[in-house]
Amino acid sequence: MGKPIAIVCQRRLPSLTALVALLGGALAAGCAAMTNPALDGIPVRLLPPELRGQSVAGMQPIPLSLLGQQRPDVYRIDAGDVLGVWVEGILGEKNQQPPIHTPVTLGTVDLPPALGFPIQVERDGTISLPQIEPLKVAGMTFKEAENAIRRAYEPQILRPGQNRILVTLMRPRTYHVLVLREDSPTPQQGVVTSTLGGGGPEYVSISRKGTGWDLVLPAYQNDVLTALAKTGGLPGTDAVDAVIIERNATRGSRNFDVIAQEFQANGPPACVTGGPLQRIPLRIRPNTPLPVRPEDVILRDGDVVYIQAREERLFFTGGLLPPGQHLLPRDTDLDVLEAIARVRGPMFSGAFSTSNLAGTMLLPGIGQPTPTLLTVIRRMPDGGQIKIRVDLNRAVKDARERLLVQAGDFLLLQETPEQGIVRYITQTAELPFYYLFHVGPRLFTGVAFGPPGGIAPTGITTMSINTSLSTGFSGNAPSSTTPVPLPIPTGR
């Protein structure tokens, strides 16, 4: 019994040459942890603030009243109105009743009956009446227009106070505008599905159908709010949080048909400083000045309102994360830890990923080190990219290390070189437990240990091992063990 034990005690730990050979084998085999091209990434804590990601949380919709115009107490005459005018003895015979025009309905406006003869208000705000020069009435109420006509005819043409003069609204001015929308009034199957084993969300595609609306808006309803209400309501979550207005778009040879074809082919025109386009944001950050003036929301003849579809904000995953492309939330932030959980990747779980229940993502090994090296490859506005290194262990402890995921980011999860070395050694060398026990008691001094499948005995004062371990394991571990004391070698 003493001889085999003596032989066991004379064994030595693997030499340095053997360890170097193992590391060389890891590199020759192309170990991902050792050949990771993103090892030179910038640590999160060294990033300047402008590269840490822009938050989308906290945006609030602007008050809807800002998109409409305030209704005046009285109607003000302007170019395009058709007035009903009766000037007794001039427009109509004396002692006769003025003609009555039946009321009309224009959109949602119910007009009362109009009296007199139709007179168009010209572009310069004037009306033409018999025997007098064109009379400017723009900006006047109907009563003020009656007094202006009376002053123009009296006393040279009509005797003061002996003639009836009436001014009514026969047809209000209207504004011809076009509304082009890329969002859909009804949902169009936004596909968010997955081909992953664990059912993780993966973005595939979304279908949209643009719509166009040729509107005729009456006076005091020619605003952005009315145009949106008549064409399907406020922009949905699949649209950009902004309204683009192109002023007088039908100038020159362009018409609404040409504009609609341009929109279908190229989308809305880009807003340029000083150009004929105006951008009205629909969501802003709290405590910021409201970006909308009352005149900004008024629509005129030839204006075009664009509602642009929102490009889906995607991020991509690879490495030890389930590969795919995934949607970013529209109104909330997503940091790196939340992104890994969203795609059901391994995170402090011994490298076991719930998105791969059909098989083992990583081969088992002693210790099961969890990969903690996350590299975020971020696109830059100039077309370049930067690599940002995130230590997940740090990110759990310090919220400042939890980098915000941005649209276009590629999240690459890998083991650190140390984790890769540990896994490679335990999987390639396959060091058995009984060999480590035979190395010598100094390796496990003060440690209680039982073979795999057994139960570690309690209250052990000296190192113990099953006698069957000298020949290796066969089958399951025995249900009971007999302690065999190992003599401490001397003379070392």
Foldseek 3Di string as FASTA:
>chain_A
DVVVLVVLQPDADDDPVVLVVLVVVCVVVPQCQVPVPQPPFAALVPDDPVPLDDFQAQKDFDDLVLQAFDDDPADFDAAQFKKAKDKDPFQHDPPDFFDWDCWDDDDPDTFHIHTHDIWGQHNVQWTDGPPFDTHHRGGHGQVVVQVSVLVRCPPPNPPPPPIDIGIGTRDAGKAKEKEKEFADLDAFDQDFWDPFQLTFTFGDGGDTDMDMDTDIGGPSQQFRQNVQVVVRHDDDPQWAQKKKKQALQPPDPDDPVNVVVCCVVPNDDDDDVPHRMDIQGRIDHPPDDHPGDSVVGGHHHNMYMYIGTDDFQWEFEDAQQPTHIHGDDNHGWAWPVNVSVSSQGDDPPLRAGSRPVVDGSDDDFPPSDHFFWKWKWAADPVGHTGIYTAGNVVVVVDVSSGRTDGRYIYIHTDHHPVVSSRRSCRVVVVDAPLSVVSNACVVQVPHFDAHPQEDTDPPDDADFYAPVPVVHDDPHDDHDGDGDGRDHDDDD
